[in-house]
PDB file of N, CA and C in Angstrom:
ATOM      1  N   MET A   1     -34.610  29.817  40.393  1.00  0.00           N
ATOM      2  CA  MET A   1     -33.806  28.662  40.018  1.00  0.00           C
ATOM      3  C   MET A   1     -33.252  27.990  41.271  1.00  0.00           C
ATOM      4  N   ALA A   2     -32.959  26.709  41.132  1.00  0.00           N
ATOM      5  CA  ALA A   2     -32.436  25.920  42.241  1.00  0.00           C
ATOM      6  C   ALA A   2     -30.985  26.280  42.549  1.00  0.00           C
ATOM      7  N   TYR A   3     -30.606  25.989  43.765  1.00  0.00           N
ATOM      8  CA  TYR A   3     -29.213  26.091  44.168  1.00  0.00           C
ATOM      9  C   TYR A   3     -28.572  24.731  43.955  1.00  0.00           C
ATOM     10  N   THR A   4     -27.287  24.739  43.644  1.00  0.00           N
ATOM     11  CA  THR A   4     -26.591  23.478  43.449  1.00  0.00           C
ATOM     12  C   THR A   4     -25.373  23.396  44.352  1.00  0.00           C
ATOM     13  N   LEU A   5     -25.107  22.188  44.773  1.00  0.00           N
ATOM     14  CA  LEU A   5     -23.864  21.859  45.446  1.00  0.00           C
ATOM     15  C   LEU A   5     -23.121  20.961  44.475  1.00  0.00           C
ATOM     16  N   THR A   6     -21.999  21.433  43.973  1.00  0.00           N
ATOM     17  CA  THR A   6     -21.162  20.642  43.084  1.00  0.00           C
ATOM     18  C   THR A   6     -20.027  20.077  43.914  1.00  0.00           C
ATOM     19  N   VAL A   7     -19.852  18.767  43.834  1.00  0.00           N
ATOM     20  CA  VAL A   7     -18.822  18.068  44.587  1.00  0.00           C
ATOM     21  C   VAL A   7     -17.847  17.492  43.576  1.00  0.00           C
ATOM     22  N   LEU A   8     -16.580  17.902  43.657  1.00  0.00           N
ATOM     23  CA  LEU A   8     -15.566  17.482  42.690  1.00  0.00           C
ATOM     24  C   LEU A   8     -14.454  16.704  43.383  1.00  0.00           C
ATOM     25  N   TYR A   9     -14.039  15.614  42.743  1.00  0.00           N
ATOM     26  CA  TYR A   9     -12.974  14.774  43.288  1.00  0.00           C
ATOM     27  C   TYR A   9     -11.744  14.880  42.388  1.00  0.00           C
ATOM     28  N   PRO A  10     -10.591  15.268  42.969  1.00  0.00           N
ATOM     29  CA  PRO A  10      -9.379  15.528  42.188  1.00  0.00           C
ATOM     30  C   PRO A  10      -8.876  14.319  41.409  1.00  0.00           C
ATOM     31  N   ASN A  11      -8.340  14.590  40.248  1.00  0.00           N
ATOM     32  CA  ASN A  11      -7.753  13.562  39.388  1.00  0.00           C
ATOM     33  C   ASN A  11      -6.247  13.558  39.616  1.00  0.00           C
ATOM     34  N   GLU A  12      -5.852  13.065  40.775  1.00  0.00           N
ATOM     35  CA  GLU A  12      -4.432  12.988  41.127  1.00  0.00           C
ATOM     36  C   GLU A  12      -3.937  11.569  40.908  1.00  0.00           C
ATOM     37  N   THR A  13      -2.645  11.422  40.620  1.00  0.00           N
ATOM     38  CA  THR A  13      -2.111  10.111  40.248  1.00  0.00           C
ATOM     39  C   THR A  13      -2.299   9.059  41.342  1.00  0.00           C
ATOM     40  N   ASP A  14      -2.314   9.455  42.598  1.00  0.00           N
ATOM     41  CA  ASP A  14      -2.473   8.483  43.679  1.00  0.00           C
ATOM     42  C   ASP A  14      -3.930   8.335  44.142  1.00  0.00           C
ATOM     43  N   ALA A  15      -4.861   8.973  43.438  1.00  0.00           N
ATOM     44  CA  ALA A  15      -6.274   8.921  43.826  1.00  0.00           C
ATOM     45  C   ALA A  15      -6.865   7.541  43.574  1.00  0.00           C
ATOM     46  N   LYS A  16      -7.686   7.107  44.521  1.00  0.00           N
ATOM     47  CA  LYS A  16      -8.418   5.854  44.385  1.00  0.00           C
ATOM     48  C   LYS A  16      -9.899   6.164  44.555  1.00  0.00           C
ATOM     49  N   TYR A  17     -10.726   5.613  43.655  1.00  0.00           N
ATOM     50  CA  TYR A  17     -12.164   5.841  43.701  1.00  0.00           C
ATOM     51  C   TYR A  17     -12.911   4.539  43.468  1.00  0.00           C
ATOM     52  N   ASN A  18     -13.977   4.347  44.202  1.00  0.00           N
ATOM     53  CA  ASN A  18     -14.871   3.213  44.008  1.00  0.00           C
ATOM     54  C   ASN A  18     -16.214   3.807  43.594  1.00  0.00           C
ATOM     55  N   LEU A  19     -16.383   3.992  42.297  1.00  0.00           N
ATOM     56  CA  LEU A  19     -17.572   4.659  41.770  1.00  0.00           C
ATOM     57  C   LEU A  19     -18.841   3.859  42.062  1.00  0.00           C
ATOM     58  N   ASP A  20     -18.763   2.535  42.020  1.00  0.00           N
ATOM     59  CA  ASP A  20     -19.939   1.721  42.338  1.00  0.00           C
ATOM     60  C   ASP A  20     -20.415   1.988  43.766  1.00  0.00           C
ATOM     61  N   TYR A  21     -19.476   2.061  44.707  1.00  0.00           N
ATOM     62  CA  TYR A  21     -19.846   2.360  46.098  1.00  0.00           C
ATOM     63  C   TYR A  21     -20.468   3.751  46.191  1.00  0.00           C
ATOM     64  N   TYR A  22     -19.868   4.706  45.507  1.00  0.00           N
ATOM     65  CA  TYR A  22     -20.346   6.090  45.540  1.00  0.00           C
ATOM     66  C   TYR A  22     -21.814   6.175  45.110  1.00  0.00           C
ATOM     67  N   ILE A  23     -22.128   5.515  43.990  1.00  0.00           N
ATOM     68  CA  ILE A  23     -23.486   5.580  43.444  1.00  0.00           C
ATOM     69  C   ILE A  23     -24.460   4.709  44.245  1.00  0.00           C
ATOM     70  N   SER A  24     -24.041   3.526  44.636  1.00  0.00           N
ATOM     71  CA  SER A  24     -24.942   2.578  45.298  1.00  0.00           C
ATOM     72  C   SER A  24     -25.110   2.787  46.792  1.00  0.00           C
ATOM     73  N   ASN A  25     -24.098   3.384  47.441  1.00  0.00           N
ATOM     74  CA  ASN A  25     -24.149   3.528  48.889  1.00  0.00           C
ATOM     75  C   ASN A  25     -24.084   4.979  49.369  1.00  0.00           C
ATOM     76  N   HIS A  26     -23.072   5.715  48.871  1.00  0.00           N
ATOM     77  CA  HIS A  26     -22.890   7.068  49.392  1.00  0.00           C
ATOM     78  C   HIS A  26     -24.031   8.008  49.019  1.00  0.00           C
ATOM     79  N   MET A  27     -24.386   8.040  47.745  1.00  0.00           N
ATOM     80  CA  MET A  27     -25.439   8.974  47.343  1.00  0.00           C
ATOM     81  C   MET A  27     -26.794   8.631  47.958  1.00  0.00           C
ATOM     82  N   PRO A  28     -27.169   7.353  48.100  1.00  0.00           N
ATOM     83  CA  PRO A  28     -28.394   7.056  48.848  1.00  0.00           C
ATOM     84  C   PRO A  28     -28.306   7.494  50.313  1.00  0.00           C
ATOM     85  N   LEU A  29     -27.117   7.396  50.914  1.00  0.00           N
ATOM     86  CA  LEU A  29     -26.914   7.892  52.279  1.00  0.00           C
ATOM     87  C   LEU A  29     -27.134   9.401  52.334  1.00  0.00           C
ATOM     88  N   VAL A  30     -26.555  10.114  51.388  1.00  0.00           N
ATOM     89  CA  VAL A  30     -26.737  11.571  51.303  1.00  0.00           C
ATOM     90  C   VAL A  30     -28.226  11.897  51.183  1.00  0.00           C
ATOM     91  N   GLU A  31     -28.887  11.234  50.253  1.00  0.00           N
ATOM     92  CA  GLU A  31     -30.307  11.518  50.031  1.00  0.00           C
ATOM     93  C   GLU A  31     -31.151  11.171  51.269  1.00  0.00           C
ATOM     94  N   ARG A  32     -30.876  10.044  51.882  1.00  0.00           N
ATOM     95  CA  ARG A  32     -31.639   9.624  53.059  1.00  0.00           C
ATOM     96  C   ARG A  32     -31.511  10.631  54.209  1.00  0.00           C
ATOM     97  N   HIS A  33     -30.288  11.113  54.450  1.00  0.00           N
ATOM     98  CA  HIS A  33     -30.061  12.030  55.567  1.00  0.00           C
ATOM     99  C   HIS A  33     -30.423  13.482  55.252  1.00  0.00           C
ATOM    100  N   TRP A  34     -30.238  13.889  54.015  1.00  0.00           N
ATOM    101  CA  TRP A  34     -30.366  15.318  53.704  1.00  0.00           C
ATOM    102  C   TRP A  34     -31.598  15.685  52.894  1.00  0.00           C
ATOM    103  N   LYS A  35     -32.420  14.729  52.487  1.00  0.00           N
ATOM    104  CA  LYS A  35     -33.629  15.063  51.737  1.00  0.00           C
ATOM    105  C   LYS A  35     -34.513  16.015  52.539  1.00  0.00           C
ATOM    106  N   LYS A  36     -34.559  15.824  53.845  1.00  0.00           N
ATOM    107  CA  LYS A  36     -35.382  16.687  54.693  1.00  0.00           C
ATOM    108  C   LYS A  36     -34.890  18.137  54.689  1.00  0.00           C
ATOM    109  N   TYR A  37     -33.648  18.346  54.263  1.00  0.00           N
ATOM    110  CA  TYR A  37     -33.109  19.703  54.175  1.00  0.00           C
ATOM    111  C   TYR A  37     -33.368  20.352  52.816  1.00  0.00           C
ATOM    112  N   GLY A  38     -33.910  19.607  51.871  1.00  0.00           N
ATOM    113  CA  GLY A  38     -34.278  20.227  50.607  1.00  0.00           C
ATOM    114  C   GLY A  38     -33.585  19.718  49.365  1.00  0.00           C
ATOM    115  N   ILE A  39     -32.994  18.517  49.406  1.00  0.00           N
ATOM    116  CA  ILE A  39     -32.428  17.960  48.171  1.00  0.00           C
ATOM    117  C   ILE A  39     -33.567  17.698  47.189  1.00  0.00           C
ATOM    118  N   GLN A  40     -33.385  18.172  45.958  1.00  0.00           N
ATOM    119  CA  GLN A  40     -34.378  17.955  44.911  1.00  0.00           C
ATOM    120  C   GLN A  40     -33.969  16.838  43.953  1.00  0.00           C
ATOM    121  N   SER A  41     -32.677  16.763  43.639  1.00  0.00           N
ATOM    122  CA  SER A  41     -32.172  15.728  42.730  1.00  0.00           C
ATOM    123  C   SER A  41     -30.656  15.707  42.812  1.00  0.00           C
ATOM    124  N   TRP A  42     -30.069  14.661  42.226  1.00  0.00           N
ATOM    125  CA  TRP A  42     -28.612  14.580  42.139  1.00  0.00           C
ATOM    126  C   TRP A  42     -28.210  13.800  40.900  1.00  0.00           C
ATOM    127  N   SER A  43     -26.994  14.058  40.440  1.00  0.00           N
ATOM    128  CA  SER A  43     -26.425  13.312  39.317  1.00  0.00           C
ATOM    129  C   SER A  43     -24.922  13.182  39.537  1.00  0.00           C
ATOM    130  N   VAL A  44     -24.349  12.114  38.991  1.00  0.00           N
ATOM    131  CA  VAL A  44     -22.921  11.848  39.116  1.00  0.00           C
ATOM    132  C   VAL A  44     -22.337  11.734  37.719  1.00  0.00           C
ATOM    133  N   THR A  45     -21.151  12.326  37.531  1.00  0.00           N
ATOM    134  CA  THR A  45     -20.462  12.300  36.237  1.00  0.00           C
ATOM    135  C   THR A  45     -19.033  11.818  36.429  1.00  0.00           C
ATOM    136  N   ARG A  46     -18.587  10.922  35.535  1.00  0.00           N
ATOM    137  CA  ARG A  46     -17.164  10.554  35.483  1.00  0.00           C
ATOM    138  C   ARG A  46     -16.578  11.329  34.305  1.00  0.00           C
ATOM    139  N   TYR A  47     -15.532  12.088  34.560  1.00  0.00           N
ATOM    140  CA  TYR A  47     -14.966  12.950  33.528  1.00  0.00           C
ATOM    141  C   TYR A  47     -13.946  12.216  32.669  1.00  0.00           C
ATOM    142  N   ASN A  48     -13.995  12.518  31.378  1.00  0.00           N
ATOM    143  CA  ASN A  48     -13.070  11.980  30.385  1.00  0.00           C
ATOM    144  C   ASN A  48     -11.982  13.008  30.116  1.00  0.00           C
ATOM    145  N   PRO A  49     -10.924  12.601  29.413  1.00  0.00           N
ATOM    146  CA  PRO A  49      -9.932  13.592  28.985  1.00  0.00           C
ATOM    147  C   PRO A  49     -10.594  14.680  28.139  1.00  0.00           C
ATOM    148  N   ALA A  50      -9.987  15.845  28.138  1.00  0.00           N
ATOM    149  CA  ALA A  50     -10.490  16.982  27.357  1.00  0.00           C
ATOM    150  C   ALA A  50     -10.425  16.659  25.862  1.00  0.00           C
ATOM    151  N   VAL A  51     -11.043  17.494  25.045  1.00  0.00           N
ATOM    152  CA  VAL A  51     -11.054  17.243  23.597  1.00  0.00           C
ATOM    153  C   VAL A  51      -9.646  17.211  23.013  1.00  0.00           C
ATOM    154  N   ASP A  52      -8.692  17.891  23.659  1.00  0.00           N
ATOM    155  CA  ASP A  52      -7.305  17.852  23.181  1.00  0.00           C
ATOM    156  C   ASP A  52      -6.518  16.707  23.823  1.00  0.00           C
ATOM    157  N   GLY A  53      -7.195  15.870  24.609  1.00  0.00           N
ATOM    158  CA  GLY A  53      -6.556  14.706  25.210  1.00  0.00           C
ATOM    159  C   GLY A  53      -5.934  14.925  26.576  1.00  0.00           C
ATOM    160  N   THR A  54      -5.948  16.161  27.059  1.00  0.00           N
ATOM    161  CA  THR A  54      -5.341  16.426  28.366  1.00  0.00           C
ATOM    162  C   THR A  54      -6.171  15.814  29.481  1.00  0.00           C
ATOM    163  N   ARG A  55      -5.481  15.469  30.521  1.00  0.00           N
ATOM    164  CA  ARG A  55      -6.080  14.853  31.702  1.00  0.00           C
ATOM    165  C   ARG A  55      -7.002  15.868  32.392  1.00  0.00           C
ATOM    166  N   PRO A  56      -8.221  15.456  32.755  1.00  0.00           N
ATOM    167  CA  PRO A  56      -9.114  16.396  33.440  1.00  0.00           C
ATOM    168  C   PRO A  56      -8.632  16.676  34.864  1.00  0.00           C
ATOM    169  N   LEU A  57      -8.970  17.835  35.377  1.00  0.00           N
ATOM    170  CA  LEU A  57      -8.581  18.194  36.744  1.00  0.00           C
ATOM    171  C   LEU A  57      -9.307  17.351  37.778  1.00  0.00           C
ATOM    172  N   TYR A  58     -10.491  16.885  37.421  1.00  0.00           N
ATOM    173  CA  TYR A  58     -11.308  16.109  38.351  1.00  0.00           C
ATOM    174  C   TYR A  58     -11.703  14.796  37.707  1.00  0.00           C
ATOM    175  N   THR A  59     -11.825  13.743  38.524  1.00  0.00           N
ATOM    176  CA  THR A  59     -12.201  12.417  38.038  1.00  0.00           C
ATOM    177  C   THR A  59     -13.700  12.223  38.080  1.00  0.00           C
ATOM    178  N   ILE A  60     -14.310  12.620  39.188  1.00  0.00           N
ATOM    179  CA  ILE A  60     -15.740  12.430  39.420  1.00  0.00           C
ATOM    180  C   ILE A  60     -16.331  13.741  39.894  1.00  0.00           C
ATOM    181  N   GLY A  61     -17.546  14.005  39.454  1.00  0.00           N
ATOM    182  CA  GLY A  61     -18.280  15.167  39.925  1.00  0.00           C
ATOM    183  C   GLY A  61     -19.707  14.770  40.248  1.00  0.00           C
ATOM    184  N   CYS A  62     -20.268  15.437  41.221  1.00  0.00           N
ATOM    185  CA  CYS A  62     -21.657  15.201  41.589  1.00  0.00           C
ATOM    186  C   CYS A  62     -22.334  16.563  41.713  1.00  0.00           C
ATOM    187  N   ILE A  63     -23.514  16.677  41.137  1.00  0.00           N
ATOM    188  CA  ILE A  63     -24.286  17.908  41.270  1.00  0.00           C
ATOM    189  C   ILE A  63     -25.570  17.564  42.007  1.00  0.00           C
ATOM    190  N   ILE A  64     -25.784  18.262  43.121  1.00  0.00           N
ATOM    191  CA  ILE A  64     -26.982  18.055  43.932  1.00  0.00           C
ATOM    192  C   ILE A  64     -27.794  19.344  43.884  1.00  0.00           C
ATOM    193  N   ALA A  65     -29.045  19.240  43.447  1.00  0.00           N
ATOM    194  CA  ALA A  65     -29.941  20.404  43.401  1.00  0.00           C
ATOM    195  C   ALA A  65     -30.676  20.507  44.736  1.00  0.00           C
ATOM    196  N   TRP A  66     -30.757  21.735  45.242  1.00  0.00           N
ATOM    197  CA  TRP A  66     -31.376  22.024  46.543  1.00  0.00           C
ATOM    198  C   TRP A  66     -32.401  23.136  46.386  1.00  0.00           C
ATOM    199  N   GLU A  67     -33.265  23.254  47.377  1.00  0.00           N
ATOM    200  CA  GLU A  67     -34.283  24.309  47.385  1.00  0.00           C
ATOM    201  C   GLU A  67     -33.683  25.692  47.568  1.00  0.00           C
ATOM    202  N   SER A  68     -32.645  25.793  48.414  1.00  0.00           N
ATOM    203  CA  SER A  68     -32.069  27.103  48.721  1.00  0.00           C
ATOM    204  C   SER A  68     -30.640  26.944  49.219  1.00  0.00           C
ATOM    205  N   GLU A  69     -29.914  28.040  49.222  1.00  0.00           N
ATOM    206  CA  GLU A  69     -28.562  28.022  49.773  1.00  0.00           C
ATOM    207  C   GLU A  69     -28.607  27.715  51.270  1.00  0.00           C
ATOM    208  N   GLU A  70     -29.616  28.238  51.945  1.00  0.00           N
ATOM    209  CA  GLU A  70     -29.762  28.001  53.384  1.00  0.00           C
ATOM    210  C   GLU A  70     -29.947  26.516  53.682  1.00  0.00           C
ATOM    211  N   SER A  71     -30.656  25.805  52.821  1.00  0.00           N
ATOM    212  CA  SER A  71     -30.868  24.370  53.047  1.00  0.00           C
ATOM    213  C   SER A  71     -29.552  23.598  52.957  1.00  0.00           C
ATOM    214  N   ILE A  72     -28.671  24.021  52.072  1.00  0.00           N
ATOM    215  CA  ILE A  72     -27.347  23.383  51.973  1.00  0.00           C
ATOM    216  C   ILE A  72     -26.578  23.614  53.265  1.00  0.00           C
ATOM    217  N   GLN A  73     -26.574  24.869  53.710  1.00  0.00           N
ATOM    218  CA  GLN A  73     -25.853  25.211  54.948  1.00  0.00           C
ATOM    219  C   GLN A  73     -26.408  24.434  56.139  1.00  0.00           C
ATOM    220  N   GLU A  74     -27.735  24.321  56.226  1.00  0.00           N
ATOM    221  CA  GLU A  74     -28.368  23.584  57.328  1.00  0.00           C
ATOM    222  C   GLU A  74     -27.950  22.120  57.308  1.00  0.00           C
ATOM    223  N   ALA A  75     -27.899  21.509  56.128  1.00  0.00           N
ATOM    224  CA  ALA A  75     -27.520  20.104  56.024  1.00  0.00           C
ATOM    225  C   ALA A  75     -26.103  19.884  56.551  1.00  0.00           C
ATOM    226  N   PHE A  76     -25.180  20.767  56.188  1.00  0.00           N
ATOM    227  CA  PHE A  76     -23.791  20.622  56.623  1.00  0.00           C
ATOM    228  C   PHE A  76     -23.612  20.908  58.107  1.00  0.00           C
ATOM    229  N   LYS A  77     -24.551  21.601  58.710  1.00  0.00           N
ATOM    230  CA  LYS A  77     -24.492  21.879  60.146  1.00  0.00           C
ATOM    231  C   LYS A  77     -25.295  20.866  60.955  1.00  0.00           C
ATOM    232  N   GLY A  78     -26.113  20.066  60.288  1.00  0.00           N
ATOM    233  CA  GLY A  78     -26.994  19.117  60.969  1.00  0.00           C
ATOM    234  C   GLY A  78     -26.242  17.937  61.566  1.00  0.00           C
ATOM    235  N   PRO A  79     -26.910  17.195  62.435  1.00  0.00           N
ATOM    236  CA  PRO A  79     -26.270  16.078  63.120  1.00  0.00           C
ATOM    237  C   PRO A  79     -25.870  14.930  62.184  1.00  0.00           C
ATOM    238  N   GLU A  80     -26.456  14.865  60.997  1.00  0.00           N
ATOM    239  CA  GLU A  80     -26.149  13.800  60.044  1.00  0.00           C
ATOM    240  C   GLU A  80     -24.872  14.072  59.238  1.00  0.00           C
ATOM    241  N   ALA A  81     -24.408  15.301  59.252  1.00  0.00           N
ATOM    242  CA  ALA A  81     -23.268  15.692  58.417  1.00  0.00           C
ATOM    243  C   ALA A  81     -22.027  14.858  58.717  1.00  0.00           C
ATOM    244  N   ALA A  82     -21.768  14.561  59.969  1.00  0.00           N
ATOM    245  CA  ALA A  82     -20.571  13.794  60.324  1.00  0.00           C
ATOM    246  C   ALA A  82     -20.581  12.427  59.652  1.00  0.00           C
ATOM    247  N   GLU A  83     -21.726  11.750  59.656  1.00  0.00           N
ATOM    248  CA  GLU A  83     -21.807  10.428  59.021  1.00  0.00           C
ATOM    249  C   GLU A  83     -21.640  10.535  57.510  1.00  0.00           C
ATOM    250  N   VAL A  84     -22.290  11.514  56.909  1.00  0.00           N
ATOM    251  CA  VAL A  84     -22.200  11.696  55.456  1.00  0.00           C
ATOM    252  C   VAL A  84     -20.758  11.989  55.050  1.00  0.00           C
ATOM    253  N   LEU A  85     -20.110  12.918  55.725  1.00  0.00           N
ATOM    254  CA  LEU A  85     -18.757  13.315  55.344  1.00  0.00           C
ATOM    255  C   LEU A  85     -17.721  12.241  55.674  1.00  0.00           C
ATOM    256  N   SER A  86     -17.915  11.512  56.767  1.00  0.00           N
ATOM    257  CA  SER A  86     -16.945  10.464  57.106  1.00  0.00           C
ATOM    258  C   SER A  86     -17.038   9.283  56.142  1.00  0.00           C
ATOM    259  N   ASP A  87     -18.154   9.144  55.440  1.00  0.00           N
ATOM    260  CA  ASP A  87     -18.316   8.055  54.477  1.00  0.00           C
ATOM    261  C   ASP A  87     -17.428   8.234  53.250  1.00  0.00           C
ATOM    262  N   VAL A  88     -16.901   9.423  53.030  1.00  0.00           N
ATOM    263  CA  VAL A  88     -16.023   9.681  51.878  1.00  0.00           C
ATOM    264  C   VAL A  88     -14.875   8.680  51.855  1.00  0.00           C
ATOM    265  N   SER A  89     -14.326   8.360  53.011  1.00  0.00           N
ATOM    266  CA  SER A  89     -13.174   7.450  53.062  1.00  0.00           C
ATOM    267  C   SER A  89     -13.524   6.029  52.621  1.00  0.00           C
ATOM    268  N   ASN A  90     -14.797   5.711  52.512  1.00  0.00           N
ATOM    269  CA  ASN A  90     -15.193   4.382  52.032  1.00  0.00           C
ATOM    270  C   ASN A  90     -15.117   4.242  50.519  1.00  0.00           C
ATOM    271  N   PHE A  91     -14.985   5.352  49.796  1.00  0.00           N
ATOM    272  CA  PHE A  91     -14.883   5.241  48.344  1.00  0.00           C
ATOM    273  C   PHE A  91     -13.727   6.028  47.744  1.00  0.00           C
ATOM    274  N   SER A  92     -13.023   6.823  48.577  1.00  0.00           N
ATOM    275  CA  SER A  92     -11.917   7.598  48.027  1.00  0.00           C
ATOM    276  C   SER A  92     -10.883   7.926  49.092  1.00  0.00           C
ATOM    277  N   ASN A  93      -9.657   8.058  48.649  1.00  0.00           N
ATOM    278  CA  ASN A  93      -8.592   8.519  49.534  1.00  0.00           C
ATOM    279  C   ASN A  93      -8.343  10.023  49.360  1.00  0.00           C
ATOM    280  N   LYS A  94      -9.216  10.703  48.648  1.00  0.00           N
ATOM    281  CA  LYS A  94      -9.112  12.142  48.414  1.00  0.00           C
ATOM    282  C   LYS A  94     -10.333  12.855  48.985  1.00  0.00           C
ATOM    283  N   GLN A  95     -10.120  14.065  49.458  1.00  0.00           N
ATOM    284  CA  GLN A  95     -11.224  14.876  49.960  1.00  0.00           C
ATOM    285  C   GLN A  95     -11.822  15.676  48.800  1.00  0.00           C
ATOM    286  N   PRO A  96     -13.136  15.814  48.792  1.00  0.00           N
ATOM    287  CA  PRO A  96     -13.784  16.549  47.704  1.00  0.00           C
ATOM    288  C   PRO A  96     -13.674  18.058  47.874  1.00  0.00           C
ATOM    289  N   ILE A  97     -13.920  18.728  46.777  1.00  0.00           N
ATOM    290  CA  ILE A  97     -14.041  20.188  46.744  1.00  0.00           C
ATOM    291  C   ILE A  97     -15.524  20.484  46.604  1.00  0.00           C
ATOM    292  N   PHE A  98     -16.046  21.400  47.418  1.00  0.00           N
ATOM    293  CA  PHE A  98     -17.466  21.743  47.389  1.00  0.00           C
ATOM    294  C   PHE A  98     -17.650  23.147  46.816  1.00  0.00           C
ATOM    295  N   LEU A  99     -18.558  23.273  45.855  1.00  0.00           N
ATOM    296  CA  LEU A  99     -18.910  24.562  45.276  1.00  0.00           C
ATOM    297  C   LEU A  99     -20.413  24.746  45.394  1.00  0.00           C
ATOM    298  N   ILE A 100     -20.837  25.883  45.927  1.00  0.00           N
ATOM    299  CA  ILE A 100     -22.258  26.201  46.045  1.00  0.00           C
ATOM    300  C   ILE A 100     -22.584  27.297  45.050  1.00  0.00           C
ATOM    301  N   GLY A 101     -23.670  27.136  44.311  1.00  0.00           N
ATOM    302  CA  GLY A 101     -24.045  28.160  43.340  1.00  0.00           C
ATOM    303  C   GLY A 101     -25.534  28.203  43.108  1.00  0.00           C
ATOM    304  N   LYS A 102     -25.976  29.288  42.531  1.00  0.00           N
ATOM    305  CA  LYS A 102     -27.378  29.454  42.174  1.00  0.00           C
ATOM    306  C   LYS A 102     -27.480  29.432  40.663  1.00  0.00           C
ATOM    307  N   GLY A 103     -28.414  28.634  40.155  1.00  0.00           N
ATOM    308  CA  GLY A 103     -28.628  28.591  38.717  1.00  0.00           C
ATOM    309  C   GLY A 103     -29.057  29.964  38.210  1.00  0.00           C
ATOM    310  N   VAL A 104     -28.501  30.360  37.077  1.00  0.00           N
ATOM    311  CA  VAL A 104     -28.848  31.660  36.515  1.00  0.00           C
ATOM    312  C   VAL A 104     -29.499  31.554  35.140  1.00  0.00           C
ATOM    313  N   ALA A 105     -29.419  30.372  34.520  1.00  0.00           N
ATOM    314  CA  ALA A 105     -30.071  30.170  33.220  1.00  0.00           C
ATOM    315  C   ALA A 105     -30.273  28.681  33.013  1.00  0.00           C
ATOM    316  N   LYS A 106     -31.347  28.347  32.286  1.00  0.00           N
ATOM    317  CA  LYS A 106     -31.634  26.947  31.992  1.00  0.00           C
ATOM    318  C   LYS A 106     -32.478  26.893  30.723  1.00  0.00           C
ATOM    319  N   THR A 107     -32.223  25.876  29.890  1.00  0.00           N
ATOM    320  CA  THR A 107     -33.034  25.731  28.683  1.00  0.00           C
ATOM    321  C   THR A 107     -34.146  24.736  28.900  1.00  0.00           C
TER     322      THR A 107
END
């Protein structure tokens, strides 16, 4: 199974997000710079309130599928990482949370 990098953006009252920029500019930048490291696909989700109406912990999430955990690590250590990570400030005033995992089941 593929490895995933889940990127979560906090749903804090002072958070600002430009989702159009994220999808149209940031994610193509990520793909352009890191595809050579093994990106297979990506998706972006905007979270709604929970079924009981409570505010979600995160506003936006992105899941990037990779060939291996090592490929994720290589991308973050590569020379392109600085440009990719510094671009966050162009669409948000919050820093993301990164989670790395290996898929264990799929239908």
